[in-house]
Each structure stands twice: as C-alpha cells, then as structure tokens.
PDB file of N, CA and C in Angstrom:
ATOM      1  N   MET A   1       8.099  -2.799  -1.570  1.00  0.00           N
ATOM      2  CA  MET A   1       7.091  -3.626  -1.942  1.00  0.00           C
ATOM      3  C   MET A   1       6.908  -4.698  -0.867  1.00  0.00           C
ATOM      4  N   TYR A   2       5.567  -4.962  -0.536  1.00  0.00           N
ATOM      5  CA  TYR A   2       5.251  -5.927   0.481  1.00  0.00           C
ATOM      6  C   TYR A   2       4.741  -7.141  -0.229  1.00  0.00           C
ATOM      7  N   HIS A   3       5.103  -8.334   0.258  1.00  0.00           N
ATOM      8  CA  HIS A   3       4.665  -9.610  -0.220  1.00  0.00           C
ATOM      9  C   HIS A   3       4.113 -10.406   0.970  1.00  0.00           C
ATOM     10  N   ASN A   4       3.114 -11.144   0.788  1.00  0.00           N
ATOM     11  CA  ASN A   4       2.632 -11.996   1.866  1.00  0.00           C
ATOM     12  C   ASN A   4       1.839 -13.190   1.288  1.00  0.00           C
ATOM     13  N   SER A   5       1.942 -14.354   1.942  1.00  0.00           N
ATOM     14  CA  SER A   5       1.081 -15.459   1.489  1.00  0.00           C
ATOM     15  C   SER A   5       0.022 -15.733   2.571  1.00  0.00           C
ATOM     16  N   LEU A   6      -1.120 -15.943   2.171  1.00  0.00           N
ATOM     17  CA  LEU A   6      -2.316 -16.199   3.065  1.00  0.00           C
ATOM     18  C   LEU A   6      -2.804 -17.603   2.778  1.00  0.00           C
ATOM     19  N   ASN A   7      -2.965 -18.468   3.803  1.00  0.00           N
ATOM     20  CA  ASN A   7      -3.468 -19.772   3.528  1.00  0.00           C
ATOM     21  C   ASN A   7      -4.835 -19.749   4.260  1.00  0.00           C
ATOM     22  N   LEU A   8      -5.880 -19.809   3.424  1.00  0.00           N
ATOM     23  CA  LEU A   8      -7.259 -19.644   3.923  1.00  0.00           C
ATOM     24  C   LEU A   8      -8.099 -20.809   3.815  1.00  0.00           C
ATOM     25  N   GLU A   9      -8.886 -21.154   4.822  1.00  0.00           N
ATOM     26  CA  GLU A   9      -9.755 -22.304   4.705  1.00  0.00           C
ATOM     27  C   GLU A   9     -11.155 -21.891   4.016  1.00  0.00           C
ATOM     28  N   LYS A  10     -11.349 -20.698   3.905  1.00  0.00           N
ATOM     29  CA  LYS A  10     -12.644 -20.268   3.149  1.00  0.00           C
ATOM     30  C   LYS A  10     -12.343 -19.118   2.223  1.00  0.00           C
ATOM     31  N   ASP A  11     -13.174 -18.927   1.293  1.00  0.00           N
ATOM     32  CA  ASP A  11     -12.921 -17.823   0.321  1.00  0.00           C
ATOM     33  C   ASP A  11     -14.109 -16.791   0.206  1.00  0.00           C
ATOM     34  N   ASP A  12     -14.805 -16.744   1.286  1.00  0.00           N
ATOM     35  CA  ASP A  12     -16.055 -15.876   1.203  1.00  0.00           C
ATOM     36  C   ASP A  12     -15.863 -14.423   1.728  1.00  0.00           C
ATOM     37  N   TYR A  13     -14.639 -14.051   1.651  1.00  0.00           N
ATOM     38  CA  TYR A  13     -14.385 -12.618   1.975  1.00  0.00           C
ATOM     39  C   TYR A  13     -14.636 -11.781   0.734  1.00  0.00           C
ATOM     40  N   SER A  14     -15.029 -10.523   0.969  1.00  0.00           N
ATOM     41  CA  SER A  14     -15.212  -9.684  -0.162  1.00  0.00           C
ATOM     42  C   SER A  14     -14.245  -8.513  -0.289  1.00  0.00           C
ATOM     43  N   CYS A  15     -13.542  -8.179   0.798  1.00  0.00           N
ATOM     44  CA  CYS A  15     -12.710  -6.978   0.690  1.00  0.00           C
ATOM     45  C   CYS A  15     -11.434  -7.162   1.473  1.00  0.00           C
ATOM     46  N   LEU A  16     -10.418  -6.450   1.064  1.00  0.00           N
ATOM     47  CA  LEU A  16      -9.169  -6.284   1.749  1.00  0.00           C
ATOM     48  C   LEU A  16      -8.985  -4.907   2.189  1.00  0.00           C
ATOM     49  N   ASP A  17      -8.909  -4.688   3.429  1.00  0.00           N
ATOM     50  CA  ASP A  17      -8.693  -3.324   3.972  1.00  0.00           C
ATOM     51  C   ASP A  17      -7.247  -3.124   4.478  1.00  0.00           C
ATOM     52  N   LEU A  18      -6.530  -2.289   3.885  1.00  0.00           N
ATOM     53  CA  LEU A  18      -5.023  -2.089   4.323  1.00  0.00           C
ATOM     54  C   LEU A  18      -4.944  -1.276   5.494  1.00  0.00           C
ATOM     55  N   GLY A  19      -5.970  -0.722   5.982  1.00  0.00           N
ATOM     56  CA  GLY A  19      -5.923   0.100   7.362  1.00  0.00           C
ATOM     57  C   GLY A  19      -5.234   1.421   7.133  1.00  0.00           C
ATOM     58  N   ASP A  20      -4.345   1.748   8.018  1.00  0.00           N
ATOM     59  CA  ASP A  20      -3.680   3.013   7.959  1.00  0.00           C
ATOM     60  C   ASP A  20      -2.479   2.880   7.025  1.00  0.00           C
ATOM     61  N   VAL A  21      -2.654   3.679   5.908  1.00  0.00           N
ATOM     62  CA  VAL A  21      -1.605   3.619   4.824  1.00  0.00           C
ATOM     63  C   VAL A  21      -1.204   5.048   4.543  1.00  0.00           C
ATOM     64  N   GLN A  22       0.134   5.214   4.453  1.00  0.00           N
ATOM     65  CA  GLN A  22       0.685   6.506   4.002  1.00  0.00           C
ATOM     66  C   GLN A  22       1.467   6.234   2.749  1.00  0.00           C
ATOM     67  N   GLY A  23       1.037   6.776   1.632  1.00  0.00           N
ATOM     68  CA  GLY A  23       1.601   6.535   0.367  1.00  0.00           C
ATOM     69  C   GLY A  23       0.650   6.143  -0.701  1.00  0.00           C
ATOM     70  N   VAL A  24       1.053   5.847  -1.912  1.00  0.00           N
ATOM     71  CA  VAL A  24       0.222   5.388  -3.006  1.00  0.00           C
ATOM     72  C   VAL A  24       0.251   3.781  -3.148  1.00  0.00           C
ATOM     73  N   THR A  25      -0.674   3.150  -3.145  1.00  0.00           N
ATOM     74  CA  THR A  25      -0.630   1.611  -3.201  1.00  0.00           C
ATOM     75  C   THR A  25      -1.222   1.123  -4.516  1.00  0.00           C
ATOM     76  N   GLU A  26      -0.534   0.108  -4.978  1.00  0.00           N
ATOM     77  CA  GLU A  26      -0.931  -0.707  -6.141  1.00  0.00           C
ATOM     78  C   GLU A  26      -1.056  -2.201  -5.538  1.00  0.00           C
ATOM     79  N   VAL A  27      -2.214  -2.812  -5.566  1.00  0.00           N
ATOM     80  CA  VAL A  27      -2.385  -4.134  -4.966  1.00  0.00           C
ATOM     81  C   VAL A  27      -2.781  -5.135  -5.942  1.00  0.00           C
ATOM     82  N   SER A  28      -2.194  -6.324  -5.812  1.00  0.00           N
ATOM     83  CA  SER A  28      -2.481  -7.449  -6.611  1.00  0.00           C
ATOM     84  C   SER A  28      -2.703  -8.768  -5.662  1.00  0.00           C
ATOM     85  N   LEU A  29      -3.623  -9.682  -6.030  1.00  0.00           N
ATOM     86  CA  LEU A  29      -3.804 -10.826  -5.307  1.00  0.00           C
ATOM     87  C   LEU A  29      -3.891 -11.997  -6.287  1.00  0.00           C
ATOM     88  N   ASN A  30      -2.976 -12.938  -6.102  1.00  0.00           N
ATOM     89  CA  ASN A  30      -2.766 -14.065  -6.970  1.00  0.00           C
ATOM     90  C   ASN A  30      -2.690 -13.631  -8.427  1.00  0.00           C
ATOM     91  N   GLY A  31      -1.832 -12.635  -8.637  1.00  0.00           N
ATOM     92  CA  GLY A  31      -1.616 -12.017  -9.992  1.00  0.00           C
ATOM     93  C   GLY A  31      -2.687 -11.195 -10.539  1.00  0.00           C
ATOM     94  N   LYS A  32      -3.843 -11.034  -9.920  1.00  0.00           N
ATOM     95  CA  LYS A  32      -4.873 -10.158 -10.445  1.00  0.00           C
ATOM     96  C   LYS A  32      -4.786  -8.774  -9.800  1.00  0.00           C
ATOM     97  N   ASP A  33      -4.780  -7.709 -10.735  1.00  0.00           N
ATOM     98  CA  ASP A  33      -4.681  -6.384 -10.243  1.00  0.00           C
ATOM     99  C   ASP A  33      -5.999  -6.001  -9.624  1.00  0.00           C
ATOM    100  N   LEU A  34      -5.833  -5.355  -8.330  1.00  0.00           N
ATOM    101  CA  LEU A  34      -7.029  -5.038  -7.545  1.00  0.00           C
ATOM    102  C   LEU A  34      -7.115  -3.542  -7.559  1.00  0.00           C
ATOM    103  N   GLY A  35      -6.219  -2.819  -8.053  1.00  0.00           N
ATOM    104  CA  GLY A  35      -6.286  -1.336  -8.258  1.00  0.00           C
ATOM    105  C   GLY A  35      -5.259  -0.557  -7.531  1.00  0.00           C
ATOM    106  N   VAL A  36      -5.396   0.769  -7.512  1.00  0.00           N
ATOM    107  CA  VAL A  36      -4.518   1.828  -7.004  1.00  0.00           C
ATOM    108  C   VAL A  36      -5.340   2.720  -6.109  1.00  0.00           C
ATOM    109  N   ARG A  37      -4.757   3.032  -4.978  1.00  0.00           N
ATOM    110  CA  ARG A  37      -5.362   4.000  -4.068  1.00  0.00           C
ATOM    111  C   ARG A  37      -4.236   4.964  -3.669  1.00  0.00           C
ATOM    112  N   TRP A  38      -4.626   6.247  -3.668  1.00  0.00           N
ATOM    113  CA  TRP A  38      -3.692   7.290  -3.181  1.00  0.00           C
ATOM    114  C   TRP A  38      -4.414   8.330  -2.279  1.00  0.00           C
ATOM    115  N   TYR A  39      -5.660   8.075  -2.009  1.00  0.00           N
ATOM    116  CA  TYR A  39      -6.397   8.936  -0.979  1.00  0.00           C
ATOM    117  C   TYR A  39      -7.619   8.044  -0.522  1.00  0.00           C
ATOM    118  N   GLY A  40      -8.172   8.495   0.535  1.00  0.00           N
ATOM    119  CA  GLY A  40      -9.410   7.828   1.120  1.00  0.00           C
ATOM    120  C   GLY A  40      -9.099   6.480   1.740  1.00  0.00           C
ATOM    121  N   ALA A  41     -10.160   5.617   1.765  1.00  0.00           N
ATOM    122  CA  ALA A  41     -10.019   4.293   2.204  1.00  0.00           C
ATOM    123  C   ALA A  41      -9.268   3.418   1.407  1.00  0.00           C
ATOM    124  N   TYR A  42      -8.304   2.560   1.930  1.00  0.00           N
ATOM    125  CA  TYR A  42      -7.500   1.743   1.109  1.00  0.00           C
ATOM    126  C   TYR A  42      -8.091   0.396   1.176  1.00  0.00           C
ATOM    127  N   VAL A  43      -9.323   0.276   0.622  1.00  0.00           N
ATOM    128  CA  VAL A  43     -10.174  -0.999   0.637  1.00  0.00           C
ATOM    129  C   VAL A  43     -10.302  -1.464  -0.769  1.00  0.00           C
ATOM    130  N   PHE A  44     -10.016  -2.733  -0.967  1.00  0.00           N
ATOM    131  CA  PHE A  44      -9.924  -3.371  -2.285  1.00  0.00           C
ATOM    132  C   PHE A  44     -10.892  -4.531  -2.318  1.00  0.00           C
ATOM    133  N   ASP A  45     -11.619  -4.704  -3.431  1.00  0.00           N
ATOM    134  CA  ASP A  45     -12.519  -5.917  -3.715  1.00  0.00           C
ATOM    135  C   ASP A  45     -11.744  -7.066  -4.065  1.00  0.00           C
ATOM    136  N   VAL A  46     -11.831  -8.140  -3.308  1.00  0.00           N
ATOM    137  CA  VAL A  46     -11.140  -9.434  -3.524  1.00  0.00           C
ATOM    138  C   VAL A  46     -11.844 -10.408  -4.235  1.00  0.00           C
ATOM    139  N   ARG A  47     -13.094 -10.135  -4.359  1.00  0.00           N
ATOM    140  CA  ARG A  47     -14.052 -11.274  -5.086  1.00  0.00           C
ATOM    141  C   ARG A  47     -13.441 -11.516  -6.528  1.00  0.00           C
ATOM    142  N   GLY A  48     -13.372 -12.888  -6.803  1.00  0.00           N
ATOM    143  CA  GLY A  48     -12.790 -13.270  -8.028  1.00  0.00           C
ATOM    144  C   GLY A  48     -11.323 -13.402  -8.045  1.00  0.00           C
ATOM    145  N   ALA A  49     -10.682 -12.956  -7.011  1.00  0.00           N
ATOM    146  CA  ALA A  49      -9.183 -13.142  -6.907  1.00  0.00           C
ATOM    147  C   ALA A  49      -8.774 -14.069  -5.726  1.00  0.00           C
ATOM    148  N   LEU A  50      -9.620 -13.963  -4.705  1.00  0.00           N
ATOM    149  CA  LEU A  50      -9.326 -14.804  -3.455  1.00  0.00           C
ATOM    150  C   LEU A  50      -9.673 -16.206  -3.732  1.00  0.00           C
ATOM    151  N   LYS A  51      -9.056 -17.264  -3.215  1.00  0.00           N
ATOM    152  CA  LYS A  51      -9.316 -18.569  -3.351  1.00  0.00           C
ATOM    153  C   LYS A  51      -9.004 -19.371  -1.993  1.00  0.00           C
ATOM    154  N   LYS A  52      -9.645 -20.602  -1.760  1.00  0.00           N
ATOM    155  CA  LYS A  52      -9.314 -21.389  -0.670  1.00  0.00           C
ATOM    156  C   LYS A  52      -7.815 -21.856  -0.849  1.00  0.00           C
ATOM    157  N   GLY A  53      -7.102 -21.962   0.243  1.00  0.00           N
ATOM    158  CA  GLY A  53      -5.708 -22.432   0.169  1.00  0.00           C
ATOM    159  C   GLY A  53      -4.746 -21.325   0.120  1.00  0.00           C
ATOM    160  N   GLU A  54      -3.683 -21.489  -0.632  1.00  0.00           N
ATOM    161  CA  GLU A  54      -2.616 -20.435  -0.650  1.00  0.00           C
ATOM    162  C   GLU A  54      -3.006 -19.245  -1.599  1.00  0.00           C
ATOM    163  N   ASN A  55      -2.777 -18.020  -1.153  1.00  0.00           N
ATOM    164  CA  ASN A  55      -3.050 -16.799  -1.821  1.00  0.00           C
ATOM    165  C   ASN A  55      -1.830 -15.996  -1.658  1.00  0.00           C
ATOM    166  N   ARG A  56      -1.419 -15.291  -2.733  1.00  0.00           N
ATOM    167  CA  ARG A  56      -0.310 -14.434  -2.694  1.00  0.00           C
ATOM    168  C   ARG A  56      -0.648 -12.918  -2.880  1.00  0.00           C
ATOM    169  N   LEU A  57      -0.425 -12.123  -1.873  1.00  0.00           N
ATOM    170  CA  LEU A  57      -0.642 -10.727  -1.844  1.00  0.00           C
ATOM    171  C   LEU A  57       0.519  -9.938  -2.082  1.00  0.00           C
ATOM    172  N   THR A  58       0.403  -8.946  -2.971  1.00  0.00           N
ATOM    173  CA  THR A  58       1.537  -8.066  -3.305  1.00  0.00           C
ATOM    174  C   THR A  58       0.996  -6.641  -3.196  1.00  0.00           C
ATOM    175  N   VAL A  59       1.652  -5.782  -2.488  1.00  0.00           N
ATOM    176  CA  VAL A  59       1.388  -4.374  -2.233  1.00  0.00           C
ATOM    177  C   VAL A  59       2.509  -3.560  -2.681  1.00  0.00           C
ATOM    178  N   LYS A  60       2.518  -2.812  -3.781  1.00  0.00           N
ATOM    179  CA  LYS A  60       3.532  -1.885  -4.070  1.00  0.00           C
ATOM    180  C   LYS A  60       3.127  -0.488  -3.499  1.00  0.00           C
ATOM    181  N   LEU A  61       4.109   0.072  -2.759  1.00  0.00           N
ATOM    182  CA  LEU A  61       3.849   1.356  -2.154  1.00  0.00           C
ATOM    183  C   LEU A  61       4.848   2.366  -2.597  1.00  0.00           C
ATOM    184  N   THR A  62       4.367   3.506  -2.949  1.00  0.00           N
ATOM    185  CA  THR A  62       5.280   4.687  -3.462  1.00  0.00           C
ATOM    186  C   THR A  62       5.077   5.706  -2.449  1.00  0.00           C
ATOM    187  N   THR A  63       6.290   6.213  -2.009  1.00  0.00           N
ATOM    188  CA  THR A  63       6.332   7.320  -1.084  1.00  0.00           C
ATOM    189  C   THR A  63       5.806   8.613  -1.556  1.00  0.00           C
ATOM    190  N   ILE A  64       5.428   9.450  -0.691  1.00  0.00           N
ATOM    191  CA  ILE A  64       5.021  10.853  -1.122  1.00  0.00           C
ATOM    192  C   ILE A  64       6.161  11.657  -1.612  1.00  0.00           C
ATOM    193  N   CYS A  65       5.932  12.632  -2.416  1.00  0.00           N
ATOM    194  CA  CYS A  65       6.970  13.512  -3.000  1.00  0.00           C
ATOM    195  C   CYS A  65       7.799  14.142  -1.932  1.00  0.00           C
ATOM    196  N   GLY A  66       7.271  14.702  -0.845  1.00  0.00           N
ATOM    197  CA  GLY A  66       8.029  15.423   0.090  1.00  0.00           C
ATOM    198  C   GLY A  66       9.182  14.616   0.742  1.00  0.00           C
ATOM    199  N   ASN A  67       8.895  13.310   1.039  1.00  0.00           N
ATOM    200  CA  ASN A  67      10.011  12.458   1.615  1.00  0.00           C
ATOM    201  C   ASN A  67      11.105  12.216   0.549  1.00  0.00           C
ATOM    202  N   TYR A  68      10.724  12.016  -0.734  1.00  0.00           N
ATOM    203  CA  TYR A  68      11.735  11.863  -1.742  1.00  0.00           C
ATOM    204  C   TYR A  68      12.516  13.148  -1.894  1.00  0.00           C
ATOM    205  N   LEU A  69      11.899  14.237  -1.913  1.00  0.00           N
ATOM    206  CA  LEU A  69      12.564  15.499  -2.163  1.00  0.00           C
ATOM    207  C   LEU A  69      13.562  15.813  -0.969  1.00  0.00           C
ATOM    208  N   LYS A  70      13.207  15.391   0.262  1.00  0.00           N
ATOM    209  CA  LYS A  70      14.107  15.678   1.390  1.00  0.00           C
ATOM    210  C   LYS A  70      15.379  14.897   1.275  1.00  0.00           C
ATOM    211  N   THR A  71      15.418  13.773   0.551  1.00  0.00           N
ATOM    212  CA  THR A  71      16.609  12.949   0.368  1.00  0.00           C
ATOM    213  C   THR A  71      17.550  13.457  -0.708  1.00  0.00           C
ATOM    214  N   GLN A  72      17.132  14.519  -1.457  1.00  0.00           N
ATOM    215  CA  GLN A  72      17.925  15.150  -2.507  1.00  0.00           C
ATOM    216  C   GLN A  72      18.817  16.235  -1.996  1.00  0.00           C
ATOM    217  N   SER A  73      19.787  15.841  -1.182  1.00  0.00           N
ATOM    218  CA  SER A  73      20.591  16.907  -0.490  1.00  0.00           C
ATOM    219  C   SER A  73      21.423  17.795  -1.326  1.00  0.00           C
ATOM    220  N   ASP A  74      21.625  17.377  -2.691  1.00  0.00           N
ATOM    221  CA  ASP A  74      22.356  18.185  -3.575  1.00  0.00           C
ATOM    222  C   ASP A  74      21.448  19.092  -4.430  1.00  0.00           C
ATOM    223  N   HIS A  75      20.183  18.919  -4.232  1.00  0.00           N
ATOM    224  CA  HIS A  75      19.262  19.764  -5.094  1.00  0.00           C
ATOM    225  C   HIS A  75      18.677  20.927  -4.251  1.00  0.00           C
ATOM    226  N   LYS A  76      19.254  22.100  -4.594  1.00  0.00           N
ATOM    227  CA  LYS A  76      18.796  23.315  -3.808  1.00  0.00           C
ATOM    228  C   LYS A  76      17.361  23.568  -3.730  1.00  0.00           C
ATOM    229  N   LEU A  77      16.673  23.410  -4.827  1.00  0.00           N
ATOM    230  CA  LEU A  77      15.274  23.829  -4.821  1.00  0.00           C
ATOM    231  C   LEU A  77      14.440  22.796  -4.085  1.00  0.00           C
ATOM    232  N   ALA A  78      14.811  21.486  -4.186  1.00  0.00           N
ATOM    233  CA  ALA A  78      14.107  20.426  -3.327  1.00  0.00           C
ATOM    234  C   ALA A  78      14.321  20.756  -1.822  1.00  0.00           C
ATOM    235  N   GLN A  79      15.548  21.192  -1.519  1.00  0.00           N
ATOM    236  CA  GLN A  79      15.770  21.533  -0.076  1.00  0.00           C
ATOM    237  C   GLN A  79      15.039  22.679   0.402  1.00  0.00           C
ATOM    238  N   HIS A  80      14.863  23.689  -0.538  1.00  0.00           N
ATOM    239  CA  HIS A  80      14.148  24.931  -0.240  1.00  0.00           C
ATOM    240  C   HIS A  80      12.624  24.600   0.158  1.00  0.00           C
ATOM    241  N   TRP A  81      12.068  23.734  -0.795  1.00  0.00           N
ATOM    242  CA  TRP A  81      10.666  23.410  -0.640  1.00  0.00           C
ATOM    243  C   TRP A  81      10.326  22.551   0.574  1.00  0.00           C
ATOM    244  N   THR A  82      11.302  21.810   0.951  1.00  0.00           N
ATOM    245  CA  THR A  82      11.087  20.940   2.141  1.00  0.00           C
ATOM    246  C   THR A  82      11.731  21.244   3.411  1.00  0.00           C
ATOM    247  N   ALA A  83      12.445  22.438   3.463  1.00  0.00           N
ATOM    248  CA  ALA A  83      13.166  22.824   4.635  1.00  0.00           C
ATOM    249  C   ALA A  83      12.334  22.870   5.903  1.00  0.00           C
ATOM    250  N   SER A  84      11.103  23.170   5.860  1.00  0.00           N
ATOM    251  CA  SER A  84      10.319  23.297   7.114  1.00  0.00           C
ATOM    252  C   SER A  84       9.453  22.012   7.394  1.00  0.00           C
ATOM    253  N   GLN A  85       9.758  20.919   6.593  1.00  0.00           N
ATOM    254  CA  GLN A  85       8.987  19.652   6.600  1.00  0.00           C
ATOM    255  C   GLN A  85       9.887  18.641   7.371  1.00  0.00           C
ATOM    256  N   ASP A  86       9.252  17.849   8.081  1.00  0.00           N
ATOM    257  CA  ASP A  86       9.977  16.557   8.733  1.00  0.00           C
ATOM    258  C   ASP A  86       9.612  15.523   7.716  1.00  0.00           C
ATOM    259  N   PHE A  87      10.329  14.348   7.810  1.00  0.00           N
ATOM    260  CA  PHE A  87      10.014  13.161   7.056  1.00  0.00           C
ATOM    261  C   PHE A  87       8.679  12.608   7.716  1.00  0.00           C
ATOM    262  N   ARG A  88       7.820  12.106   6.776  1.00  0.00           N
ATOM    263  CA  ARG A  88       6.515  11.622   7.194  1.00  0.00           C
ATOM    264  C   ARG A  88       6.646  10.109   7.315  1.00  0.00           C
ATOM    265  N   PRO A  89       5.961   9.452   8.282  1.00  0.00           N
ATOM    266  CA  PRO A  89       5.829   8.018   8.241  1.00  0.00           C
ATOM    267  C   PRO A  89       5.302   7.502   6.965  1.00  0.00           C
ATOM    268  N   MET A  90       5.711   6.369   6.458  1.00  0.00           N
ATOM    269  CA  MET A  90       5.331   5.879   5.169  1.00  0.00           C
ATOM    270  C   MET A  90       5.128   4.322   5.356  1.00  0.00           C
ATOM    271  N   GLY A  91       4.147   3.869   4.552  1.00  0.00           N
ATOM    272  CA  GLY A  91       4.031   2.410   4.481  1.00  0.00           C
ATOM    273  C   GLY A  91       2.685   2.003   4.967  1.00  0.00           C
ATOM    274  N   LEU A  92       2.546   0.660   5.336  1.00  0.00           N
ATOM    275  CA  LEU A  92       1.352   0.026   5.889  1.00  0.00           C
ATOM    276  C   LEU A  92       1.599   0.172   7.424  1.00  0.00           C
ATOM    277  N   LEU A  93       0.837   1.103   8.109  1.00  0.00           N
ATOM    278  CA  LEU A  93       1.139   1.471   9.439  1.00  0.00           C
ATOM    279  C   LEU A  93       0.126   0.812  10.328  1.00  0.00           C
ATOM    280  N   GLY A  94      -0.896   0.277   9.913  1.00  0.00           N
ATOM    281  CA  GLY A  94      -1.988  -0.392  10.688  1.00  0.00           C
ATOM    282  C   GLY A  94      -2.178  -1.855  10.416  1.00  0.00           C
ATOM    283  N   THR A  95      -3.281  -2.265  10.876  1.00  0.00           N
ATOM    284  CA  THR A  95      -3.661  -3.700  10.700  1.00  0.00           C
ATOM    285  C   THR A  95      -4.337  -3.904   9.398  1.00  0.00           C
ATOM    286  N   VAL A  96      -3.880  -4.964   8.629  1.00  0.00           N
ATOM    287  CA  VAL A  96      -4.415  -5.335   7.350  1.00  0.00           C
ATOM    288  C   VAL A  96      -5.506  -6.448   7.642  1.00  0.00           C
ATOM    289  N   ARG A  97      -6.726  -6.254   7.038  1.00  0.00           N
ATOM    290  CA  ARG A  97      -7.765  -7.205   7.399  1.00  0.00           C
ATOM    291  C   ARG A  97      -8.534  -7.661   6.104  1.00  0.00           C
ATOM    292  N   LEU A  98      -8.995  -8.861   6.136  1.00  0.00           N
ATOM    293  CA  LEU A  98     -10.010  -9.307   5.228  1.00  0.00           C
ATOM    294  C   LEU A  98     -11.430  -9.274   5.730  1.00  0.00           C
ATOM    295  N   GLY A  99     -12.382  -8.790   5.001  1.00  0.00           N
ATOM    296  CA  GLY A  99     -13.735  -8.738   5.470  1.00  0.00           C
ATOM    297  C   GLY A  99     -14.695  -9.147   4.517  1.00  0.00           C
TER     298      GLY A  99
END
C-alpha cells in the first residue's frame, strides 16, 4: 500500500494519473474512494475529493496471480503453471501526475 500527503496551493485539478502501473489498484483521496483499475489507463477523477492544503492519497496495489503463485514453492500445481515465467515488475513504476 502506498500513502502520500500532497500540500496544494490550488484545487483545480481534475484527474490523477498513476502512470505506468503493474497490478490492480484501489485509490482513495482524503478518504473518498476514487475507484479500482486493473487494465487500461490508471486515471482517476479527483473532482470533489481534492482540496487546497493537505491531501492524503492512498493507493492499494494487489500483485498479479503469477507472481503470487511463483512464491508458493510447496505447491506443485502452482510451480507447474509458472515454471516458464519470470517474476514480473509490480507497483507504481512511473511518474504519478495531477492534471
């Protein structure tokens, strides 16, 4: 889970773009749920949640199944299905922007 505080002088932004993301994300801003993304653009509407001053951003990221299964060294079927796969990079891999 990622947490960050943003101190803003203006509140006229309309979207939060998480950039390059690998995984499933659940995003909240100042306690308001902004939604879940698991494919496509990881862009969230921040209107109504963003304010001047201090803002608290939370991004919950869930790894993909293949990475999890590779960690299950005692599980023969999991190891069979992921034997030819490498671990995939996970998380927020790029620049996060307000727009």
